[in-house]
Amino acid sequence: MPGTTGKTARAREGDDVRYVLLDRIEEVKRGEYAEGLKAVALSEDCFEHHFPGQPVYPGALLIESMAQLGGALLELSLKGELGYSPRCVLSSVKAKFRDFVKPGDLLRLRAEIVSAHEDSALVKVLTRRGERRVAQAEILYVFLKIEDKRLQEAREGYLEILTREARFIE
């Protein structure tokens, strides 16, 4: 597909393109927190227009990175409790940006479950570059029960890749 980078992935031929904006999950304590990494590369498509000569990673993509970590944490945590693997859909976001993110930055994200209910959850995500906080967000998710075996297999494969080197804390 012209104009795409390694940040997009196809699960199978004919599936929709999925933007993967989280590189790895390093640590998970189910029901509590997850820590992950996002490496911001100059080759990402967003830098072509945002902004030429002064590249800045878009805040919307940073929020999506944080949302992907929070959603993965919830799915890994709640599968057993709910009796199905919930699809976590973003419902609302309250975010603060404290610094610009630029190509070459290695971001460390930490998502913590604030509260979880039968059909929704609130997750707080903090993003740092080194010791400097660059963004934080409170993200409200709603859960969907989707009974599509192919979709479930693709999602489980995605989570397996993200967590293949993760430490799971009991």
C-alpha atoms as a PDB file:
ATOM      1  CA  MET A   1       0.000   0.000   0.000  1.00  0.00           C
ATOM      2  CA  PRO A   2       1.658   3.283  -1.066  1.00  0.00           C
ATOM      3  CA  GLY A   3       2.569   5.779   1.615  1.00  0.00           C
ATOM      4  CA  THR A   4       2.435   3.424   4.593  1.00  0.00           C
ATOM      5  CA  THR A   5       5.211   2.613   7.032  1.00  0.00           C
ATOM      6  CA  GLY A   6       6.009  -0.266   9.320  1.00  0.00           C
ATOM      7  CA  LYS A   7       3.536   1.197  11.807  1.00  0.00           C
ATOM      8  CA  THR A   8       0.580  -0.350   9.992  1.00  0.00           C
ATOM      9  CA  ALA A   9      -0.146  -4.042   9.932  1.00  0.00           C
ATOM     10  CA  ARG A  10      -2.518  -6.388   8.181  1.00  0.00           C
ATOM     11  CA  ALA A  11      -3.836  -9.323  10.188  1.00  0.00           C
ATOM     12  CA  ARG A  12      -4.895 -11.231   7.031  1.00  0.00           C
ATOM     13  CA  GLU A  13      -5.476 -10.500   3.378  1.00  0.00           C
ATOM     14  CA  GLY A  14      -8.705  -8.547   3.050  1.00  0.00           C
ATOM     15  CA  ASP A  15      -8.744  -7.268   6.634  1.00  0.00           C
ATOM     16  CA  ASP A  16      -8.815  -3.549   7.366  1.00  0.00           C
ATOM     17  CA  VAL A  17      -5.537  -1.793   8.123  1.00  0.00           C
ATOM     18  CA  ARG A  18      -4.907  -1.440  11.824  1.00  0.00           C
ATOM     19  CA  TYR A  19      -2.674   1.313  13.117  1.00  0.00           C
ATOM     20  CA  VAL A  20      -0.368  -0.120  15.739  1.00  0.00           C
ATOM     21  CA  LEU A  21       0.945   2.808  17.768  1.00  0.00           C
ATOM     22  CA  LEU A  22       2.390   0.856  20.674  1.00  0.00           C
ATOM     23  CA  ASP A  23       5.631  -1.032  20.131  1.00  0.00           C
ATOM     24  CA  ARG A  24       5.764  -3.305  23.137  1.00  0.00           C
ATOM     25  CA  ILE A  25       4.257  -4.026  26.522  1.00  0.00           C
ATOM     26  CA  GLU A  26       7.013  -4.641  29.044  1.00  0.00           C
ATOM     27  CA  GLU A  27       5.175  -5.382  32.282  1.00  0.00           C
ATOM     28  CA  VAL A  28       1.628  -6.270  33.276  1.00  0.00           C
ATOM     29  CA  LYS A  29      -0.043  -6.758  36.616  1.00  0.00           C
ATOM     30  CA  ARG A  30      -3.533  -7.880  35.685  1.00  0.00           C
ATOM     31  CA  GLY A  31      -6.231  -5.732  37.204  1.00  0.00           C
ATOM     32  CA  GLU A  32      -3.745  -2.997  38.121  1.00  0.00           C
ATOM     33  CA  TYR A  33      -1.254  -1.668  35.562  1.00  0.00           C
ATOM     34  CA  ALA A  34       0.704  -2.150  32.356  1.00  0.00           C
ATOM     35  CA  GLU A  35       3.886  -0.484  31.136  1.00  0.00           C
ATOM     36  CA  GLY A  36       4.770  -0.134  27.475  1.00  0.00           C
ATOM     37  CA  LEU A  37       7.069   1.531  24.959  1.00  0.00           C
ATOM     38  CA  LYS A  38       6.514   3.711  21.907  1.00  0.00           C
ATOM     39  CA  ALA A  39       9.525   4.628  19.744  1.00  0.00           C
ATOM     40  CA  VAL A  40       8.784   7.677  17.600  1.00  0.00           C
ATOM     41  CA  ALA A  41      10.528   7.350  14.218  1.00  0.00           C
ATOM     42  CA  LEU A  42      11.084  10.100  11.657  1.00  0.00           C
ATOM     43  CA  SER A  43       9.802   7.659   9.010  1.00  0.00           C
ATOM     44  CA  GLU A  44       6.258   7.801  10.416  1.00  0.00           C
ATOM     45  CA  ASP A  45       3.825   9.201   7.855  1.00  0.00           C
ATOM     46  CA  CYS A  46       2.505  11.918  10.164  1.00  0.00           C
ATOM     47  CA  PHE A  47       5.768  13.896   9.967  1.00  0.00           C
ATOM     48  CA  GLU A  48       5.336  14.627   6.262  1.00  0.00           C
ATOM     49  CA  HIS A  49       2.833  17.382   7.084  1.00  0.00           C
ATOM     50  CA  HIS A  50       3.116  17.807  10.872  1.00  0.00           C
ATOM     51  CA  PHE A  51       5.251  19.963  10.500  1.00  0.00           C
ATOM     52  CA  PRO A  52       7.795  20.151   7.650  1.00  0.00           C
ATOM     53  CA  GLY A  53      11.140  21.304   9.035  1.00  0.00           C
ATOM     54  CA  GLN A  54       9.853  21.130  12.642  1.00  0.00           C
ATOM     55  CA  PRO A  55       8.396  17.625  13.069  1.00  0.00           C
ATOM     56  CA  VAL A  56       6.063  17.197  16.058  1.00  0.00           C
ATOM     57  CA  TYR A  57       4.208  13.971  16.823  1.00  0.00           C
ATOM     58  CA  PRO A  58       0.438  14.684  16.718  1.00  0.00           C
ATOM     59  CA  GLY A  59      -1.356  14.685  20.059  1.00  0.00           C
ATOM     60  CA  ALA A  60      -4.177  12.553  18.631  1.00  0.00           C
ATOM     61  CA  LEU A  61      -1.697   9.779  17.797  1.00  0.00           C
ATOM     62  CA  LEU A  62      -0.147  10.041  21.256  1.00  0.00           C
ATOM     63  CA  ILE A  63      -3.611   9.639  22.780  1.00  0.00           C
ATOM     64  CA  GLU A  64      -4.185   6.605  20.549  1.00  0.00           C
ATOM     65  CA  SER A  65      -0.901   5.071  21.790  1.00  0.00           C
ATOM     66  CA  MET A  66      -2.057   5.593  25.374  1.00  0.00           C
ATOM     67  CA  ALA A  67      -5.507   4.208  24.545  1.00  0.00           C
ATOM     68  CA  GLN A  68      -3.985   1.087  22.984  1.00  0.00           C
ATOM     69  CA  LEU A  69      -2.013   0.373  26.155  1.00  0.00           C
ATOM     70  CA  GLY A  70      -5.046   0.961  28.387  1.00  0.00           C
ATOM     71  CA  GLY A  71      -7.268  -1.199  26.176  1.00  0.00           C
ATOM     72  CA  ALA A  72      -4.719  -4.021  26.148  1.00  0.00           C
ATOM     73  CA  LEU A  73      -4.451  -3.854  29.951  1.00  0.00           C
ATOM     74  CA  LEU A  74      -8.218  -4.104  30.298  1.00  0.00           C
ATOM     75  CA  GLU A  75      -8.525  -6.967  27.835  1.00  0.00           C
ATOM     76  CA  LEU A  76      -5.716  -8.912  29.521  1.00  0.00           C
ATOM     77  CA  SER A  77      -7.219  -8.217  32.960  1.00  0.00           C
ATOM     78  CA  LEU A  78     -10.934  -8.738  32.412  1.00  0.00           C
ATOM     79  CA  LYS A  79     -11.130 -11.765  30.114  1.00  0.00           C
ATOM     80  CA  GLY A  80     -11.486 -14.172  33.031  1.00  0.00           C
ATOM     81  CA  GLU A  81     -13.699 -11.934  35.153  1.00  0.00           C
ATOM     82  CA  LEU A  82     -16.282 -11.176  32.466  1.00  0.00           C
ATOM     83  CA  GLY A  83     -16.334 -14.634  30.924  1.00  0.00           C
ATOM     84  CA  TYR A  84     -15.492 -13.223  27.491  1.00  0.00           C
ATOM     85  CA  SER A  85     -12.743 -11.124  25.963  1.00  0.00           C
ATOM     86  CA  PRO A  86     -14.074  -7.578  25.958  1.00  0.00           C
ATOM     87  CA  ARG A  87     -13.329  -5.240  23.074  1.00  0.00           C
ATOM     88  CA  CYS A  88     -12.489  -1.963  24.750  1.00  0.00           C
ATOM     89  CA  VAL A  89     -13.828   1.036  22.887  1.00  0.00           C
ATOM     90  CA  LEU A  90     -12.779   4.549  23.777  1.00  0.00           C
ATOM     91  CA  SER A  91     -15.708   6.544  25.142  1.00  0.00           C
ATOM     92  CA  SER A  92     -14.086   9.756  26.396  1.00  0.00           C
ATOM     93  CA  VAL A  93     -10.646  11.239  27.007  1.00  0.00           C
ATOM     94  CA  LYS A  94      -9.405  13.972  29.301  1.00  0.00           C
ATOM     95  CA  ALA A  95      -5.777  14.690  28.375  1.00  0.00           C
ATOM     96  CA  LYS A  96      -2.994  17.127  29.239  1.00  0.00           C
ATOM     97  CA  PHE A  97       0.086  17.640  27.092  1.00  0.00           C
ATOM     98  CA  ARG A  98       3.176  18.942  28.858  1.00  0.00           C
ATOM     99  CA  ASP A  99       5.844  18.813  26.130  1.00  0.00           C
ATOM    100  CA  PHE A 100       6.269  18.147  22.420  1.00  0.00           C
ATOM    101  CA  VAL A 101       7.120  14.656  21.185  1.00  0.00           C
ATOM    102  CA  LYS A 102       9.634  14.580  18.336  1.00  0.00           C
ATOM    103  CA  PRO A 103      11.259  11.982  16.093  1.00  0.00           C
ATOM    104  CA  GLY A 104      13.813   9.904  17.972  1.00  0.00           C
ATOM    105  CA  ASP A 105      11.932  10.051  21.269  1.00  0.00           C
ATOM    106  CA  LEU A 106      11.480   6.838  23.225  1.00  0.00           C
ATOM    107  CA  LEU A 107       8.276   7.096  25.231  1.00  0.00           C
ATOM    108  CA  ARG A 108       7.484   5.037  28.307  1.00  0.00           C
ATOM    109  CA  LEU A 109       3.790   4.672  29.019  1.00  0.00           C
ATOM    110  CA  ARG A 110       2.133   3.435  32.191  1.00  0.00           C
ATOM    111  CA  ALA A 111      -1.582   2.646  32.335  1.00  0.00           C
ATOM    112  CA  GLU A 112      -3.357   2.101  35.657  1.00  0.00           C
ATOM    113  CA  ILE A 113      -6.921   0.955  36.140  1.00  0.00           C
ATOM    114  CA  VAL A 114      -8.745   3.525  38.278  1.00  0.00           C
ATOM    115  CA  SER A 115     -12.090   1.712  38.309  1.00  0.00           C
ATOM    116  CA  ALA A 116     -13.724  -1.130  36.400  1.00  0.00           C
ATOM    117  CA  HIS A 117     -17.368  -2.075  36.157  1.00  0.00           C
ATOM    118  CA  GLU A 118     -19.436  -4.617  34.264  1.00  0.00           C
ATOM    119  CA  ASP A 119     -19.645  -2.507  31.105  1.00  0.00           C
ATOM    120  CA  SER A 120     -16.964   0.203  31.418  1.00  0.00           C
ATOM    121  CA  ALA A 121     -13.637   1.152  32.977  1.00  0.00           C
ATOM    122  CA  LEU A 122     -11.591   4.256  33.712  1.00  0.00           C
ATOM    123  CA  VAL A 123      -7.839   4.092  33.067  1.00  0.00           C
ATOM    124  CA  LYS A 124      -5.177   6.701  33.830  1.00  0.00           C
ATOM    125  CA  VAL A 125      -2.170   6.756  31.475  1.00  0.00           C
ATOM    126  CA  LEU A 126       1.073   8.646  32.004  1.00  0.00           C
ATOM    127  CA  THR A 127       3.637   9.100  29.212  1.00  0.00           C
ATOM    128  CA  ARG A 128       7.267  10.008  29.873  1.00  0.00           C
ATOM    129  CA  ARG A 129      10.396  10.681  27.850  1.00  0.00           C
ATOM    130  CA  GLY A 130      13.161   9.828  30.282  1.00  0.00           C
ATOM    131  CA  GLU A 131      12.116  11.452  33.554  1.00  0.00           C
ATOM    132  CA  ARG A 132      10.089  14.189  31.830  1.00  0.00           C
ATOM    133  CA  ARG A 133       6.312  13.802  31.742  1.00  0.00           C
ATOM    134  CA  VAL A 134       5.057  14.605  28.227  1.00  0.00           C
ATOM    135  CA  ALA A 135       1.366  13.684  28.513  1.00  0.00           C
ATOM    136  CA  GLN A 136      -1.250  12.211  30.790  1.00  0.00           C
ATOM    137  CA  ALA A 137      -4.812  11.125  30.177  1.00  0.00           C
ATOM    138  CA  GLU A 138      -7.867   9.695  31.869  1.00  0.00           C
ATOM    139  CA  ILE A 139      -9.566   7.403  29.393  1.00  0.00           C
ATOM    140  CA  LEU A 140     -13.056   5.969  29.778  1.00  0.00           C
ATOM    141  CA  TYR A 141     -13.692   2.736  27.885  1.00  0.00           C
ATOM    142  CA  VAL A 142     -16.917   0.874  27.241  1.00  0.00           C
ATOM    143  CA  PHE A 143     -16.866  -2.870  26.653  1.00  0.00           C
ATOM    144  CA  LEU A 144     -18.314  -4.612  23.642  1.00  0.00           C
ATOM    145  CA  LYS A 145     -18.948  -8.306  23.341  1.00  0.00           C
ATOM    146  CA  ILE A 146     -18.213  -9.233  19.757  1.00  0.00           C
ATOM    147  CA  GLU A 147     -18.707 -12.869  18.888  1.00  0.00           C
ATOM    148  CA  ASP A 148     -16.606 -13.065  15.745  1.00  0.00           C
ATOM    149  CA  LYS A 149     -14.100 -15.898  15.962  1.00  0.00           C
ATOM    150  CA  ARG A 150     -11.814 -14.440  13.274  1.00  0.00           C
ATOM    151  CA  LEU A 151     -11.736 -11.034  14.979  1.00  0.00           C
ATOM    152  CA  GLN A 152     -11.045 -12.645  18.357  1.00  0.00           C
ATOM    153  CA  GLU A 153      -8.175 -14.718  16.938  1.00  0.00           C
ATOM    154  CA  ALA A 154      -6.652 -11.618  15.313  1.00  0.00           C
ATOM    155  CA  ARG A 155      -6.934  -9.655  18.566  1.00  0.00           C
ATOM    156  CA  GLU A 156      -5.380 -12.456  20.618  1.00  0.00           C
ATOM    157  CA  GLY A 157      -2.523 -12.647  18.090  1.00  0.00           C
ATOM    158  CA  TYR A 158      -1.955  -8.896  18.396  1.00  0.00           C
ATOM    159  CA  LEU A 159      -1.873  -9.059  22.207  1.00  0.00           C
ATOM    160  CA  GLU A 160       0.472 -12.048  22.064  1.00  0.00           C
ATOM    161  CA  ILE A 161       2.924 -10.084  19.901  1.00  0.00           C
ATOM    162  CA  LEU A 162       2.760  -7.001  22.150  1.00  0.00           C
ATOM    163  CA  THR A 163       3.366  -9.048  25.305  1.00  0.00           C
ATOM    164  CA  ARG A 164       5.784 -11.709  24.041  1.00  0.00           C
ATOM    165  CA  GLU A 165       8.631 -10.302  26.167  1.00  0.00           C
ATOM    166  CA  ALA A 166       6.457  -8.866  28.956  1.00  0.00           C
ATOM    167  CA  ARG A 167       6.884  -9.633  32.634  1.00  0.00           C
ATOM    168  CA  PHE A 168       3.585 -10.669  34.179  1.00  0.00           C
ATOM    169  CA  ILE A 169       3.481  -9.789  37.883  1.00  0.00           C
ATOM    170  CA  GLU A 170       1.216 -11.865  40.084  1.00  0.00           C
END
